[in-house]
């Protein structure tokens, strides 16, 4: 094989490896953002459930327990 062919092959393989690494980095970054978004949503849902629980307890203590939709 000639030196030019080997050099071209090294450049092409290097480019493909670089593109693969960039693609994996992009996917990893995107998955990380999705993970943070899901964690924020989960935290918000947990806070809402806690708030509903506190409201139900307050209504029970007042003796004015009402049917809350979805409970």
Foldseek 3Di string as FASTA:
>chain_A
DDPVVVVVVVVVVVVVVVVVVVVVVVVVVVVVVVVVVVVVVVVVVVVVVVVVVVVQVVCVVVVNRDDDPPD
